[in-house]
């Protein structure tokens, strides 16, 4: 297993551990557990509490046109001219 996939797997496990008992509303962000709503707002996105990402079982953010999985907001934000 490469370091990239080992790191990715570790972060997925941290996100799952953070969300335990929170029904998809808490994830791992900025070296701590954080509410998905807080993560969305950090990246100037709207929180979409009724939209669940089927891959991560976490609620999502919305960029004004479509939902963005919380594990992808950092990558999505990097492609946007601010």
C-alpha atoms as a PDB file:
ATOM      1  CA  UNK A   1       0.000   0.000   0.000  1.00  0.00           C
ATOM      2  CA  UNK A   2       1.403   3.380  -0.971  1.00  0.00           C
ATOM      3  CA  UNK A   3       1.745   6.234   1.512  1.00  0.00           C
ATOM      4  CA  UNK A   4      -1.015   8.145  -0.309  1.00  0.00           C
ATOM      5  CA  UNK A   5      -3.552   5.339   0.115  1.00  0.00           C
ATOM      6  CA  UNK A   6      -2.391   4.638   3.659  1.00  0.00           C
ATOM      7  CA  UNK A   7      -2.952   8.324   4.502  1.00  0.00           C
ATOM      8  CA  UNK A   8      -6.343   8.350   2.759  1.00  0.00           C
ATOM      9  CA  UNK A   9      -7.433   5.207   4.594  1.00  0.00           C
ATOM     10  CA  UNK A  10      -6.324   6.740   7.906  1.00  0.00           C
ATOM     11  CA  UNK A  11      -8.383   9.894   7.257  1.00  0.00           C
ATOM     12  CA  UNK A  12     -11.464   7.853   6.335  1.00  0.00           C
ATOM     13  CA  UNK A  13     -11.130   5.936   9.585  1.00  0.00           C
ATOM     14  CA  UNK A  14     -10.763   9.192  11.533  1.00  0.00           C
ATOM     15  CA  UNK A  15     -13.876  10.606   9.850  1.00  0.00           C
ATOM     16  CA  UNK A  16     -15.824   7.472  10.761  1.00  0.00           C
ATOM     17  CA  UNK A  17     -14.596   7.610  14.345  1.00  0.00           C
ATOM     18  CA  UNK A  18     -15.556  11.289  14.619  1.00  0.00           C
ATOM     19  CA  UNK A  19     -19.034  10.646  13.275  1.00  0.00           C
ATOM     20  CA  UNK A  20     -19.824   7.694  15.497  1.00  0.00           C
ATOM     21  CA  UNK A  21     -23.239   8.410  17.016  1.00  0.00           C
ATOM     22  CA  UNK A  22     -23.710  11.652  15.027  1.00  0.00           C
ATOM     23  CA  UNK A  23     -25.656  10.326  11.999  1.00  0.00           C
ATOM     24  CA  UNK A  24     -23.376  11.767   9.322  1.00  0.00           C
ATOM     25  CA  UNK A  25     -23.019  15.277  10.736  1.00  0.00           C
ATOM     26  CA  UNK A  26     -19.430  15.166  12.072  1.00  0.00           C
ATOM     27  CA  UNK A  27     -16.187  14.487  10.200  1.00  0.00           C
ATOM     28  CA  UNK A  28     -12.421  14.822  10.621  1.00  0.00           C
ATOM     29  CA  UNK A  29     -11.111  18.239   9.568  1.00  0.00           C
ATOM     30  CA  UNK A  30      -8.122  20.399  10.499  1.00  0.00           C
ATOM     31  CA  UNK A  31      -6.704  17.704  12.823  1.00  0.00           C
ATOM     32  CA  UNK A  32      -9.899  17.425  14.895  1.00  0.00           C
ATOM     33  CA  UNK A  33     -13.504  16.318  14.783  1.00  0.00           C
ATOM     34  CA  UNK A  34     -15.728  19.072  13.383  1.00  0.00           C
ATOM     35  CA  UNK A  35     -19.371  19.485  12.394  1.00  0.00           C
ATOM     36  CA  UNK A  36     -19.941  19.121   8.653  1.00  0.00           C
ATOM     37  CA  UNK A  37     -21.837  22.426   8.808  1.00  0.00           C
ATOM     38  CA  UNK A  38     -18.695  24.131  10.181  1.00  0.00           C
ATOM     39  CA  UNK A  39     -16.560  22.607   7.423  1.00  0.00           C
ATOM     40  CA  UNK A  40     -18.998  23.826   4.749  1.00  0.00           C
ATOM     41  CA  UNK A  41     -18.994  27.348   6.144  1.00  0.00           C
ATOM     42  CA  UNK A  42     -15.192  27.343   6.356  1.00  0.00           C
ATOM     43  CA  UNK A  43     -15.104  26.898   2.571  1.00  0.00           C
ATOM     44  CA  UNK A  44     -17.966  29.387   1.942  1.00  0.00           C
ATOM     45  CA  UNK A  45     -20.390  26.626   1.012  1.00  0.00           C
ATOM     46  CA  UNK A  46     -23.928  26.042   2.228  1.00  0.00           C
ATOM     47  CA  UNK A  47     -24.608  23.120   4.538  1.00  0.00           C
ATOM     48  CA  UNK A  48     -26.956  20.562   2.919  1.00  0.00           C
ATOM     49  CA  UNK A  49     -28.273  18.601   5.923  1.00  0.00           C
ATOM     50  CA  UNK A  50     -30.781  16.610   3.841  1.00  0.00           C
ATOM     51  CA  UNK A  51     -28.176  15.408   1.345  1.00  0.00           C
ATOM     52  CA  UNK A  52     -26.217  12.292   2.321  1.00  0.00           C
ATOM     53  CA  UNK A  53     -23.110  11.174   0.415  1.00  0.00           C
ATOM     54  CA  UNK A  54     -23.607   7.437  -0.246  1.00  0.00           C
ATOM     55  CA  UNK A  55     -19.851   6.756  -0.233  1.00  0.00           C
ATOM     56  CA  UNK A  56     -19.037   8.297   3.163  1.00  0.00           C
ATOM     57  CA  UNK A  57     -22.473   8.360   4.838  1.00  0.00           C
ATOM     58  CA  UNK A  58     -21.834  12.007   5.723  1.00  0.00           C
ATOM     59  CA  UNK A  59     -24.049  14.997   5.050  1.00  0.00           C
ATOM     60  CA  UNK A  60     -22.794  17.281   2.282  1.00  0.00           C
ATOM     61  CA  UNK A  61     -22.122  20.892   1.385  1.00  0.00           C
ATOM     62  CA  UNK A  62     -23.727  22.732  -1.532  1.00  0.00           C
ATOM     63  CA  UNK A  63     -21.940  25.146  -3.860  1.00  0.00           C
ATOM     64  CA  UNK A  64     -25.114  26.816  -5.108  1.00  0.00           C
ATOM     65  CA  UNK A  65     -25.703  24.418  -7.990  1.00  0.00           C
ATOM     66  CA  UNK A  66     -24.959  20.928  -6.670  1.00  0.00           C
ATOM     67  CA  UNK A  67     -23.978  19.032  -3.537  1.00  0.00           C
ATOM     68  CA  UNK A  68     -20.296  18.504  -2.765  1.00  0.00           C
ATOM     69  CA  UNK A  69     -19.206  15.591  -0.549  1.00  0.00           C
ATOM     70  CA  UNK A  70     -17.522  16.920   2.581  1.00  0.00           C
ATOM     71  CA  UNK A  71     -14.361  14.936   1.826  1.00  0.00           C
ATOM     72  CA  UNK A  72     -14.106  16.781  -1.517  1.00  0.00           C
ATOM     73  CA  UNK A  73     -14.689  20.405  -0.433  1.00  0.00           C
ATOM     74  CA  UNK A  74     -10.989  21.171  -0.096  1.00  0.00           C
ATOM     75  CA  UNK A  75     -10.332  19.926  -3.648  1.00  0.00           C
ATOM     76  CA  UNK A  76     -13.434  21.703  -4.996  1.00  0.00           C
ATOM     77  CA  UNK A  77     -12.462  24.961  -3.283  1.00  0.00           C
ATOM     78  CA  UNK A  78      -8.969  24.813  -4.823  1.00  0.00           C
ATOM     79  CA  UNK A  79     -10.511  24.879  -8.316  1.00  0.00           C
ATOM     80  CA  UNK A  80     -12.581  28.003  -7.660  1.00  0.00           C
ATOM     81  CA  UNK A  81     -11.245  31.499  -8.201  1.00  0.00           C
ATOM     82  CA  UNK A  82     -11.888  33.370  -4.986  1.00  0.00           C
END
